[in-house]
Amino acid sequence: MGSSKRLAELYDRYAAEKNLARLMKEAPLQSLTSRELELDRLPVTIYPRPRGCQAWVRIGPHAVRVSARVVRSTPRAAGIEFVVEERTVRCWVWGSAVDVEAADEDA
């Protein structure tokens, strides 16, 4: 008797969500600083229809890949939001930390 691939993926997602929630309780979510963003110099685009993505975020010393939405961006960075335990969390990450195509493949 074989195992269900869909169930395995679901259990993996539950485990990742539980791990993310645990990390968020242990350490702060890191976001780029105003100096790094250069918002006084670079234009910001705000997306009326945010697009799904996979993004690397830092929680304390840990790098974690999350399913998120790009809600704004500069030429170098992306403002993302994602949900942790029914709470929407926002941060800025470098543009290279965001993969929109990966979210399209997961859909």
C-alpha atoms as a PDB file:
ATOM      1  CA  MET A   1       0.000   0.000   0.000  1.00  0.00           C
ATOM      2  CA  GLY A   2       1.461   3.354  -1.047  1.00  0.00           C
ATOM      3  CA  SER A   3       1.439   6.678   0.724  1.00  0.00           C
ATOM      4  CA  SER A   4      -0.392   9.771  -0.420  1.00  0.00           C
ATOM      5  CA  LYS A   5       1.910  12.369  -1.920  1.00  0.00           C
ATOM      6  CA  ARG A   6      -0.688  15.069  -1.306  1.00  0.00           C
ATOM      7  CA  LEU A   7      -0.928  14.164   2.374  1.00  0.00           C
ATOM      8  CA  ALA A   8       2.859  14.134   2.693  1.00  0.00           C
ATOM      9  CA  GLU A   9       3.011  17.642   1.201  1.00  0.00           C
ATOM     10  CA  LEU A  10       0.261  18.795   3.575  1.00  0.00           C
ATOM     11  CA  TYR A  11       2.099  17.400   6.609  1.00  0.00           C
ATOM     12  CA  ASP A  12       5.325  19.052   5.426  1.00  0.00           C
ATOM     13  CA  ARG A  13       3.508  22.384   5.159  1.00  0.00           C
ATOM     14  CA  TYR A  14       2.018  21.985   8.663  1.00  0.00           C
ATOM     15  CA  ALA A  15       5.469  21.205  10.065  1.00  0.00           C
ATOM     16  CA  ALA A  16       6.973  24.254   8.322  1.00  0.00           C
ATOM     17  CA  GLU A  17       4.182  26.510   9.653  1.00  0.00           C
ATOM     18  CA  LYS A  18       4.677  25.175  13.180  1.00  0.00           C
ATOM     19  CA  ASN A  19       8.441  25.734  12.941  1.00  0.00           C
ATOM     20  CA  LEU A  20       7.905  29.288  11.641  1.00  0.00           C
ATOM     21  CA  ALA A  21       5.541  30.086  14.530  1.00  0.00           C
ATOM     22  CA  ARG A  22       8.065  28.715  17.038  1.00  0.00           C
ATOM     23  CA  LEU A  23      10.902  30.776  15.569  1.00  0.00           C
ATOM     24  CA  MET A  24       8.775  33.948  15.572  1.00  0.00           C
ATOM     25  CA  LYS A  25       8.202  33.480  19.318  1.00  0.00           C
ATOM     26  CA  GLU A  26      11.915  32.986  19.986  1.00  0.00           C
ATOM     27  CA  ALA A  27      13.472  35.790  17.941  1.00  0.00           C
ATOM     28  CA  PRO A  28      12.523  38.983  16.088  1.00  0.00           C
ATOM     29  CA  LEU A  29      11.789  39.098  12.378  1.00  0.00           C
ATOM     30  CA  GLN A  30      14.532  41.100  10.680  1.00  0.00           C
ATOM     31  CA  SER A  31      13.726  43.742   8.083  1.00  0.00           C
ATOM     32  CA  LEU A  32      15.965  45.934   5.964  1.00  0.00           C
ATOM     33  CA  THR A  33      16.807  49.280   7.540  1.00  0.00           C
ATOM     34  CA  SER A  34      15.876  52.715   6.193  1.00  0.00           C
ATOM     35  CA  ARG A  35      19.509  53.196   5.230  1.00  0.00           C
ATOM     36  CA  GLU A  36      19.501  49.965   3.206  1.00  0.00           C
ATOM     37  CA  LEU A  37      16.160  50.776   1.556  1.00  0.00           C
ATOM     38  CA  GLU A  38      17.129  54.341   0.578  1.00  0.00           C
ATOM     39  CA  LEU A  39      13.444  55.303   0.461  1.00  0.00           C
ATOM     40  CA  ASP A  40      14.419  58.980   0.346  1.00  0.00           C
ATOM     41  CA  ARG A  41      16.184  58.329  -2.973  1.00  0.00           C
ATOM     42  CA  LEU A  42      14.560  55.317  -4.647  1.00  0.00           C
ATOM     43  CA  PRO A  43      10.960  55.098  -5.906  1.00  0.00           C
ATOM     44  CA  VAL A  44       8.516  52.724  -4.214  1.00  0.00           C
ATOM     45  CA  THR A  45       5.903  50.790  -6.174  1.00  0.00           C
ATOM     46  CA  ILE A  46       2.784  49.724  -4.255  1.00  0.00           C
ATOM     47  CA  TYR A  47       0.923  46.834  -5.863  1.00  0.00           C
ATOM     48  CA  PRO A  48      -2.890  47.029  -5.796  1.00  0.00           C
ATOM     49  CA  ARG A  49      -2.983  43.263  -6.438  1.00  0.00           C
ATOM     50  CA  PRO A  50      -0.105  41.696  -4.502  1.00  0.00           C
ATOM     51  CA  ARG A  51       1.496  38.686  -6.152  1.00  0.00           C
ATOM     52  CA  GLY A  52       2.370  35.444  -4.386  1.00  0.00           C
ATOM     53  CA  CYS A  53       6.008  34.505  -3.918  1.00  0.00           C
ATOM     54  CA  GLN A  54       8.460  32.397  -1.983  1.00  0.00           C
ATOM     55  CA  ALA A  55      10.847  34.581   0.012  1.00  0.00           C
ATOM     56  CA  TRP A  56      13.786  34.119   2.334  1.00  0.00           C
ATOM     57  CA  VAL A  57      13.377  35.965   5.633  1.00  0.00           C
ATOM     58  CA  ARG A  58      15.606  36.148   8.692  1.00  0.00           C
ATOM     59  CA  ILE A  59      14.173  35.439  12.108  1.00  0.00           C
ATOM     60  CA  GLY A  60      16.928  36.076  14.594  1.00  0.00           C
ATOM     61  CA  PRO A  61      19.888  34.047  13.290  1.00  0.00           C
ATOM     62  CA  HIS A  62      17.688  31.717  11.219  1.00  0.00           C
ATOM     63  CA  ALA A  63      17.029  31.961   7.468  1.00  0.00           C
ATOM     64  CA  VAL A  64      13.565  30.625   6.605  1.00  0.00           C
ATOM     65  CA  ARG A  65      11.764  30.373   3.265  1.00  0.00           C
ATOM     66  CA  VAL A  66       8.126  31.459   3.521  1.00  0.00           C
ATOM     67  CA  SER A  67       5.110  31.687   1.243  1.00  0.00           C
ATOM     68  CA  ALA A  68       4.386  35.398   1.030  1.00  0.00           C
ATOM     69  CA  ARG A  69       2.935  38.181  -1.105  1.00  0.00           C
ATOM     70  CA  VAL A  70       4.906  41.062  -2.610  1.00  0.00           C
ATOM     71  CA  VAL A  71       2.984  44.208  -1.623  1.00  0.00           C
ATOM     72  CA  ARG A  72       5.545  46.860  -2.558  1.00  0.00           C
ATOM     73  CA  SER A  73       9.020  47.152  -3.997  1.00  0.00           C
ATOM     74  CA  THR A  74      11.937  49.391  -4.828  1.00  0.00           C
ATOM     75  CA  PRO A  75      14.480  48.665  -7.567  1.00  0.00           C
ATOM     76  CA  ARG A  76      16.499  46.681  -4.973  1.00  0.00           C
ATOM     77  CA  ALA A  77      14.088  45.406  -2.316  1.00  0.00           C
ATOM     78  CA  ALA A  78      10.647  43.907  -1.834  1.00  0.00           C
ATOM     79  CA  GLY A  79       8.123  44.598   0.886  1.00  0.00           C
ATOM     80  CA  ILE A  80       6.436  41.294   1.635  1.00  0.00           C
ATOM     81  CA  GLU A  81       3.715  40.049   3.924  1.00  0.00           C
ATOM     82  CA  PHE A  82       2.980  36.561   5.171  1.00  0.00           C
ATOM     83  CA  VAL A  83       0.775  34.957   7.790  1.00  0.00           C
ATOM     84  CA  VAL A  84       1.991  33.352  11.012  1.00  0.00           C
ATOM     85  CA  GLU A  85      -0.692  31.873  13.262  1.00  0.00           C
ATOM     86  CA  GLU A  86      -3.455  33.985  11.685  1.00  0.00           C
ATOM     87  CA  ARG A  87      -1.386  37.186  12.094  1.00  0.00           C
ATOM     88  CA  THR A  88      -0.126  39.105   9.055  1.00  0.00           C
ATOM     89  CA  VAL A  89       3.561  39.957   9.338  1.00  0.00           C
ATOM     90  CA  ARG A  90       5.387  42.432   7.084  1.00  0.00           C
ATOM     91  CA  CYS A  91       9.037  43.086   6.358  1.00  0.00           C
ATOM     92  CA  TRP A  92      11.439  44.300   3.687  1.00  0.00           C
ATOM     93  CA  VAL A  93      13.865  41.836   2.086  1.00  0.00           C
ATOM     94  CA  TRP A  94      16.394  42.125  -0.721  1.00  0.00           C
ATOM     95  CA  GLY A  95      14.857  41.581  -4.147  1.00  0.00           C
ATOM     96  CA  SER A  96      17.112  38.581  -4.762  1.00  0.00           C
ATOM     97  CA  ALA A  97      15.508  36.841  -1.757  1.00  0.00           C
ATOM     98  CA  VAL A  98      12.131  36.743  -3.549  1.00  0.00           C
ATOM     99  CA  ASP A  99      11.064  34.141  -6.118  1.00  0.00           C
ATOM    100  CA  VAL A 100       7.719  34.887  -7.780  1.00  0.00           C
ATOM    101  CA  GLU A 101       8.020  31.958 -10.203  1.00  0.00           C
ATOM    102  CA  ALA A 102       8.244  29.483  -7.303  1.00  0.00           C
ATOM    103  CA  ALA A 103       4.857  30.676  -6.044  1.00  0.00           C
ATOM    104  CA  ASP A 104       3.394  30.237  -9.539  1.00  0.00           C
ATOM    105  CA  GLU A 105       4.656  26.636  -9.610  1.00  0.00           C
ATOM    106  CA  ASP A 106       3.110  25.907  -6.200  1.00  0.00           C
ATOM    107  CA  ALA A 107      -0.319  27.202  -7.263  1.00  0.00           C
END
